[in-house]
């Protein structure tokens, strides 16, 4: 990526990550939900967020559609725009995690390289990155089709749709695999929170 910003300098504040984590009584982290449209990413992310908040933990969901209403509203769905979409979210999620928030991202994020870059960004900052693969069969996703997108894609009315005429590259080594055709959101949320406890985030 071309770096155009010049004459800049990193400024350290008087509050560090440990200070924020002591106040919040948990560590910051990013949970990256990836999978096809209608695989259950947003439903699970918001279920986990609600459960964590009820337990007294600060959590926040960066949802794909929601972010495209603001920060990324100038991006389309070409491969280049998808890459930039995920690059921006990776940086935002890293900031949230550094602030001590348990940040969940709900994005199709179809390209493995983009997700790997998000992981690398967090690892270089010594932040926990947990990839959750929503391994829900495309047949189930199409049956749900809450926005009618699969129907439009099958009819040729919607181009560059992941899983139909655009590829989805499944994670090779995700921390957690979830099939929402077999698990309810509450059951899957228990698995995610259990993983956070194992990693000593909570």
C-alpha atoms as a PDB file:
ATOM      1  CA  UNK A   1       0.000   0.000   0.000  1.00  0.00           C
ATOM      2  CA  UNK A   2       1.215   3.479  -0.849  1.00  0.00           C
ATOM      3  CA  UNK A   3       1.803   5.569   2.272  1.00  0.00           C
ATOM      4  CA  UNK A   4       0.834   9.168   1.551  1.00  0.00           C
ATOM      5  CA  UNK A   5       0.864  10.572   5.093  1.00  0.00           C
ATOM      6  CA  UNK A   6       4.072  12.487   5.785  1.00  0.00           C
ATOM      7  CA  UNK A   7       5.423  14.543   8.685  1.00  0.00           C
ATOM      8  CA  UNK A   8       3.554  12.458  11.246  1.00  0.00           C
ATOM      9  CA  UNK A   9       4.665  11.138  14.599  1.00  0.00           C
ATOM     10  CA  UNK A  10       3.185   8.577  17.010  1.00  0.00           C
ATOM     11  CA  UNK A  11       2.185  10.153  20.329  1.00  0.00           C
ATOM     12  CA  UNK A  12       2.071   8.060  23.495  1.00  0.00           C
ATOM     13  CA  UNK A  13      -0.596   8.979  26.015  1.00  0.00           C
ATOM     14  CA  UNK A  14      -0.456   8.836  29.821  1.00  0.00           C
ATOM     15  CA  UNK A  15      -2.782   5.814  29.963  1.00  0.00           C
ATOM     16  CA  UNK A  16      -1.592   2.455  28.672  1.00  0.00           C
ATOM     17  CA  UNK A  17      -3.346  -0.767  27.711  1.00  0.00           C
ATOM     18  CA  UNK A  18      -2.786  -2.351  31.115  1.00  0.00           C
ATOM     19  CA  UNK A  19      -4.451   0.616  32.811  1.00  0.00           C
ATOM     20  CA  UNK A  20      -7.546   0.222  30.670  1.00  0.00           C
ATOM     21  CA  UNK A  21      -7.689  -3.547  31.162  1.00  0.00           C
ATOM     22  CA  UNK A  22      -7.429  -3.183  34.945  1.00  0.00           C
ATOM     23  CA  UNK A  23     -10.352  -0.772  34.919  1.00  0.00           C
ATOM     24  CA  UNK A  24     -12.464  -3.008  32.650  1.00  0.00           C
ATOM     25  CA  UNK A  25     -11.398  -6.248  34.395  1.00  0.00           C
ATOM     26  CA  UNK A  26     -10.845  -8.033  31.100  1.00  0.00           C
ATOM     27  CA  UNK A  27      -8.448  -7.893  28.160  1.00  0.00           C
ATOM     28  CA  UNK A  28      -9.192  -6.337  24.817  1.00  0.00           C
ATOM     29  CA  UNK A  29      -9.451  -8.689  21.842  1.00  0.00           C
ATOM     30  CA  UNK A  30     -10.912  -9.026  18.360  1.00  0.00           C
ATOM     31  CA  UNK A  31     -13.240 -11.878  17.455  1.00  0.00           C
ATOM     32  CA  UNK A  32     -13.435 -12.076  13.671  1.00  0.00           C
ATOM     33  CA  UNK A  33     -16.599 -13.785  12.412  1.00  0.00           C
ATOM     34  CA  UNK A  34     -16.286 -14.819   8.765  1.00  0.00           C
ATOM     35  CA  UNK A  35     -18.574 -16.790   6.476  1.00  0.00           C
ATOM     36  CA  UNK A  36     -21.100 -16.583   3.685  1.00  0.00           C
ATOM     37  CA  UNK A  37     -24.004 -14.168   3.687  1.00  0.00           C
ATOM     38  CA  UNK A  38     -26.768 -15.510   5.978  1.00  0.00           C
ATOM     39  CA  UNK A  39     -24.363 -17.922   7.686  1.00  0.00           C
ATOM     40  CA  UNK A  40     -25.256 -16.387  11.060  1.00  0.00           C
ATOM     41  CA  UNK A  41     -22.314 -14.039  11.625  1.00  0.00           C
ATOM     42  CA  UNK A  42     -24.238 -10.986  12.802  1.00  0.00           C
ATOM     43  CA  UNK A  43     -26.751 -12.988  14.806  1.00  0.00           C
ATOM     44  CA  UNK A  44     -23.976 -14.752  16.707  1.00  0.00           C
ATOM     45  CA  UNK A  45     -21.877 -11.608  17.144  1.00  0.00           C
ATOM     46  CA  UNK A  46     -24.789  -9.660  18.639  1.00  0.00           C
ATOM     47  CA  UNK A  47     -25.736 -12.631  20.830  1.00  0.00           C
ATOM     48  CA  UNK A  48     -22.190 -12.784  22.212  1.00  0.00           C
ATOM     49  CA  UNK A  49     -22.123  -9.005  22.681  1.00  0.00           C
ATOM     50  CA  UNK A  50     -25.346  -9.127  24.702  1.00  0.00           C
ATOM     51  CA  UNK A  51     -24.120 -12.018  26.850  1.00  0.00           C
ATOM     52  CA  UNK A  52     -20.796 -10.313  27.556  1.00  0.00           C
ATOM     53  CA  UNK A  53     -22.449  -7.024  28.485  1.00  0.00           C
ATOM     54  CA  UNK A  54     -24.782  -8.854  30.875  1.00  0.00           C
ATOM     55  CA  UNK A  55     -21.665 -10.307  32.523  1.00  0.00           C
ATOM     56  CA  UNK A  56     -20.204  -6.816  32.942  1.00  0.00           C
ATOM     57  CA  UNK A  57     -17.755  -6.872  30.027  1.00  0.00           C
ATOM     58  CA  UNK A  58     -17.427  -4.074  27.481  1.00  0.00           C
ATOM     59  CA  UNK A  59     -18.114  -5.463  24.007  1.00  0.00           C
ATOM     60  CA  UNK A  60     -18.971  -3.980  20.625  1.00  0.00           C
ATOM     61  CA  UNK A  61     -19.918  -5.368  17.202  1.00  0.00           C
ATOM     62  CA  UNK A  62     -18.598  -3.929  13.953  1.00  0.00           C
ATOM     63  CA  UNK A  63     -21.211  -5.220  11.510  1.00  0.00           C
ATOM     64  CA  UNK A  64     -20.584  -5.297   7.769  1.00  0.00           C
ATOM     65  CA  UNK A  65     -23.821  -3.613   6.698  1.00  0.00           C
ATOM     66  CA  UNK A  66     -23.685  -1.083   9.532  1.00  0.00           C
ATOM     67  CA  UNK A  67     -20.136  -0.002   8.718  1.00  0.00           C
ATOM     68  CA  UNK A  68     -21.072   0.463   5.061  1.00  0.00           C
ATOM     69  CA  UNK A  69     -23.621   3.068   6.184  1.00  0.00           C
ATOM     70  CA  UNK A  70     -20.776   5.302   7.335  1.00  0.00           C
ATOM     71  CA  UNK A  71     -17.045   4.593   7.398  1.00  0.00           C
ATOM     72  CA  UNK A  72     -17.079   2.420   4.267  1.00  0.00           C
ATOM     73  CA  UNK A  73     -20.037   3.855   2.372  1.00  0.00           C
ATOM     74  CA  UNK A  74     -17.712   4.844  -0.478  1.00  0.00           C
ATOM     75  CA  UNK A  75     -16.732   1.208  -1.163  1.00  0.00           C
ATOM     76  CA  UNK A  76     -18.441  -1.252  -3.481  1.00  0.00           C
ATOM     77  CA  UNK A  77     -18.008  -5.007  -3.775  1.00  0.00           C
ATOM     78  CA  UNK A  78     -15.181  -5.375  -6.266  1.00  0.00           C
ATOM     79  CA  UNK A  79     -12.141  -7.342  -5.118  1.00  0.00           C
ATOM     80  CA  UNK A  80     -10.220  -4.085  -4.614  1.00  0.00           C
ATOM     81  CA  UNK A  81     -13.016  -2.500  -2.600  1.00  0.00           C
ATOM     82  CA  UNK A  82     -13.490  -5.646  -0.507  1.00  0.00           C
ATOM     83  CA  UNK A  83      -9.790  -5.589   0.315  1.00  0.00           C
ATOM     84  CA  UNK A  84      -9.949  -1.955   1.403  1.00  0.00           C
ATOM     85  CA  UNK A  85     -13.143  -2.633   3.363  1.00  0.00           C
ATOM     86  CA  UNK A  86     -11.404  -5.306   5.420  1.00  0.00           C
ATOM     87  CA  UNK A  87      -8.179  -3.282   5.767  1.00  0.00           C
ATOM     88  CA  UNK A  88     -10.103  -0.408   7.342  1.00  0.00           C
ATOM     89  CA  UNK A  89     -12.055  -2.699   9.645  1.00  0.00           C
ATOM     90  CA  UNK A  90      -8.848  -4.463  10.695  1.00  0.00           C
ATOM     91  CA  UNK A  91      -7.392  -1.139  11.782  1.00  0.00           C
ATOM     92  CA  UNK A  92     -10.581  -0.062  13.585  1.00  0.00           C
ATOM     93  CA  UNK A  93     -10.894  -3.424  15.361  1.00  0.00           C
ATOM     94  CA  UNK A  94      -7.276  -3.133  16.471  1.00  0.00           C
ATOM     95  CA  UNK A  95      -8.011   0.287  18.003  1.00  0.00           C
ATOM     96  CA  UNK A  96     -11.052  -1.082  19.838  1.00  0.00           C
ATOM     97  CA  UNK A  97      -9.053  -4.037  21.162  1.00  0.00           C
ATOM     98  CA  UNK A  98      -6.221  -1.744  22.257  1.00  0.00           C
ATOM     99  CA  UNK A  99      -8.821   0.339  24.128  1.00  0.00           C
ATOM    100  CA  UNK A 100      -9.752  -2.801  26.074  1.00  0.00           C
ATOM    101  CA  UNK A 101     -12.977  -3.556  24.213  1.00  0.00           C
ATOM    102  CA  UNK A 102     -13.913  -7.086  23.181  1.00  0.00           C
ATOM    103  CA  UNK A 103     -14.541  -6.216  19.553  1.00  0.00           C
ATOM    104  CA  UNK A 104     -16.468  -8.502  17.221  1.00  0.00           C
ATOM    105  CA  UNK A 105     -16.380  -8.078  13.461  1.00  0.00           C
ATOM    106  CA  UNK A 106     -19.155  -9.532  11.335  1.00  0.00           C
ATOM    107  CA  UNK A 107     -17.953  -9.461   7.721  1.00  0.00           C
ATOM    108  CA  UNK A 108     -18.060 -12.007   4.935  1.00  0.00           C
ATOM    109  CA  UNK A 109     -14.357 -11.159   4.427  1.00  0.00           C
ATOM    110  CA  UNK A 110     -14.084 -13.723   1.616  1.00  0.00           C
ATOM    111  CA  UNK A 111     -10.366 -13.533   0.941  1.00  0.00           C
ATOM    112  CA  UNK A 112      -7.946 -15.441   3.137  1.00  0.00           C
ATOM    113  CA  UNK A 113      -5.108 -12.957   2.583  1.00  0.00           C
ATOM    114  CA  UNK A 114      -7.198 -10.075   3.933  1.00  0.00           C
ATOM    115  CA  UNK A 115      -8.077 -12.012   7.090  1.00  0.00           C
ATOM    116  CA  UNK A 116      -4.457 -13.065   7.507  1.00  0.00           C
ATOM    117  CA  UNK A 117      -3.421  -9.415   7.275  1.00  0.00           C
ATOM    118  CA  UNK A 118      -5.947  -8.559   9.997  1.00  0.00           C
ATOM    119  CA  UNK A 119      -4.457 -11.275  12.194  1.00  0.00           C
ATOM    120  CA  UNK A 120      -0.901 -10.066  11.536  1.00  0.00           C
ATOM    121  CA  UNK A 121      -1.865  -6.495  12.411  1.00  0.00           C
ATOM    122  CA  UNK A 122      -3.168  -7.637  15.795  1.00  0.00           C
ATOM    123  CA  UNK A 123      -0.265  -9.988  16.504  1.00  0.00           C
ATOM    124  CA  UNK A 124       2.257  -7.231  15.789  1.00  0.00           C
ATOM    125  CA  UNK A 125       0.440  -5.107  18.387  1.00  0.00           C
ATOM    126  CA  UNK A 126       0.388  -8.034  20.860  1.00  0.00           C
ATOM    127  CA  UNK A 127      -3.397  -8.197  20.705  1.00  0.00           C
ATOM    128  CA  UNK A 128      -5.525 -11.340  20.675  1.00  0.00           C
ATOM    129  CA  UNK A 129      -7.177 -12.193  17.356  1.00  0.00           C
ATOM    130  CA  UNK A 130      -9.720 -15.022  17.243  1.00  0.00           C
ATOM    131  CA  UNK A 131     -11.065 -16.175  13.888  1.00  0.00           C
ATOM    132  CA  UNK A 132     -14.500 -17.814  13.975  1.00  0.00           C
ATOM    133  CA  UNK A 133     -15.504 -19.580  10.769  1.00  0.00           C
ATOM    134  CA  UNK A 134     -19.253 -19.803  10.235  1.00  0.00           C
ATOM    135  CA  UNK A 135     -19.204 -23.100   8.381  1.00  0.00           C
ATOM    136  CA  UNK A 136     -22.877 -23.045   7.451  1.00  0.00           C
ATOM    137  CA  UNK A 137     -23.660 -24.856   4.167  1.00  0.00           C
ATOM    138  CA  UNK A 138     -24.570 -22.557   1.297  1.00  0.00           C
ATOM    139  CA  UNK A 139     -27.838 -24.486   0.886  1.00  0.00           C
ATOM    140  CA  UNK A 140     -28.859 -23.411   4.386  1.00  0.00           C
ATOM    141  CA  UNK A 141     -27.759 -19.829   3.736  1.00  0.00           C
ATOM    142  CA  UNK A 142     -29.862 -19.746   0.575  1.00  0.00           C
ATOM    143  CA  UNK A 143     -32.889 -21.093   2.396  1.00  0.00           C
ATOM    144  CA  UNK A 144     -32.602 -18.288   4.938  1.00  0.00           C
ATOM    145  CA  UNK A 145     -31.751 -15.511   2.447  1.00  0.00           C
ATOM    146  CA  UNK A 146     -33.175 -12.747   4.703  1.00  0.00           C
ATOM    147  CA  UNK A 147     -32.315  -9.964   2.236  1.00  0.00           C
ATOM    148  CA  UNK A 148     -33.217 -11.906  -0.905  1.00  0.00           C
ATOM    149  CA  UNK A 149     -29.639 -11.566  -2.158  1.00  0.00           C
ATOM    150  CA  UNK A 150     -29.097 -15.185  -3.168  1.00  0.00           C
ATOM    151  CA  UNK A 151     -32.293 -15.095  -5.200  1.00  0.00           C
ATOM    152  CA  UNK A 152     -31.107 -11.971  -7.011  1.00  0.00           C
ATOM    153  CA  UNK A 153     -27.641 -13.450  -7.561  1.00  0.00           C
ATOM    154  CA  UNK A 154     -29.072 -16.683  -8.991  1.00  0.00           C
ATOM    155  CA  UNK A 155     -31.249 -14.620 -11.339  1.00  0.00           C
ATOM    156  CA  UNK A 156     -28.240 -12.647 -12.527  1.00  0.00           C
ATOM    157  CA  UNK A 157     -29.544  -9.419 -11.019  1.00  0.00           C
ATOM    158  CA  UNK A 158     -26.703  -9.143  -8.500  1.00  0.00           C
ATOM    159  CA  UNK A 159     -23.102  -9.505  -9.630  1.00  0.00           C
ATOM    160  CA  UNK A 160     -19.965 -10.286  -7.592  1.00  0.00           C
ATOM    161  CA  UNK A 161     -21.950 -12.094  -4.923  1.00  0.00           C
ATOM    162  CA  UNK A 162     -19.815 -14.284  -2.672  1.00  0.00           C
ATOM    163  CA  UNK A 163     -20.539 -17.975  -3.017  1.00  0.00           C
ATOM    164  CA  UNK A 164     -22.316 -17.586  -6.368  1.00  0.00           C
ATOM    165  CA  UNK A 165     -20.075 -15.748  -8.843  1.00  0.00           C
ATOM    166  CA  UNK A 166     -17.395 -14.556  -6.427  1.00  0.00           C
ATOM    167  CA  UNK A 167     -15.216 -16.926  -4.386  1.00  0.00           C
ATOM    168  CA  UNK A 168     -15.158 -17.513  -0.645  1.00  0.00           C
ATOM    169  CA  UNK A 169     -11.846 -18.789   0.724  1.00  0.00           C
ATOM    170  CA  UNK A 170     -12.512 -20.692   3.933  1.00  0.00           C
ATOM    171  CA  UNK A 171     -10.041 -20.274   6.818  1.00  0.00           C
ATOM    172  CA  UNK A 172      -7.358 -22.928   7.070  1.00  0.00           C
ATOM    173  CA  UNK A 173      -6.825 -22.782  10.834  1.00  0.00           C
ATOM    174  CA  UNK A 174      -9.613 -20.852  12.551  1.00  0.00           C
ATOM    175  CA  UNK A 175      -9.745 -20.828  16.328  1.00  0.00           C
ATOM    176  CA  UNK A 176     -13.385 -21.928  16.208  1.00  0.00           C
ATOM    177  CA  UNK A 177     -15.703 -23.476  13.614  1.00  0.00           C
ATOM    178  CA  UNK A 178     -19.456 -22.969  14.009  1.00  0.00           C
ATOM    179  CA  UNK A 179     -22.252 -24.512  11.953  1.00  0.00           C
ATOM    180  CA  UNK A 180     -25.419 -22.600  12.728  1.00  0.00           C
ATOM    181  CA  UNK A 181     -27.465 -25.246  10.948  1.00  0.00           C
ATOM    182  CA  UNK A 182     -26.645 -27.455  13.934  1.00  0.00           C
ATOM    183  CA  UNK A 183     -26.330 -24.942  16.777  1.00  0.00           C
ATOM    184  CA  UNK A 184     -28.629 -22.216  18.049  1.00  0.00           C
ATOM    185  CA  UNK A 185     -27.143 -18.724  18.508  1.00  0.00           C
ATOM    186  CA  UNK A 186     -27.179 -19.241  22.282  1.00  0.00           C
ATOM    187  CA  UNK A 187     -25.341 -22.572  21.995  1.00  0.00           C
ATOM    188  CA  UNK A 188     -22.749 -21.093  19.652  1.00  0.00           C
ATOM    189  CA  UNK A 189     -22.308 -18.069  21.943  1.00  0.00           C
ATOM    190  CA  UNK A 190     -21.434 -20.406  24.811  1.00  0.00           C
ATOM    191  CA  UNK A 191     -18.624 -21.833  22.664  1.00  0.00           C
ATOM    192  CA  UNK A 192     -17.281 -18.374  21.824  1.00  0.00           C
ATOM    193  CA  UNK A 193     -17.365 -17.191  25.442  1.00  0.00           C
ATOM    194  CA  UNK A 194     -15.758 -20.437  26.542  1.00  0.00           C
ATOM    195  CA  UNK A 195     -12.903 -19.752  24.139  1.00  0.00           C
ATOM    196  CA  UNK A 196     -12.485 -16.238  25.571  1.00  0.00           C
ATOM    197  CA  UNK A 197     -12.214 -17.780  29.041  1.00  0.00           C
ATOM    198  CA  UNK A 198      -9.642 -20.317  27.820  1.00  0.00           C
ATOM    199  CA  UNK A 199      -7.575 -17.490  26.312  1.00  0.00           C
ATOM    200  CA  UNK A 200      -7.849 -15.577  29.616  1.00  0.00           C
ATOM    201  CA  UNK A 201      -9.520 -12.620  27.907  1.00  0.00           C
ATOM    202  CA  UNK A 202     -12.232 -12.716  30.588  1.00  0.00           C
END
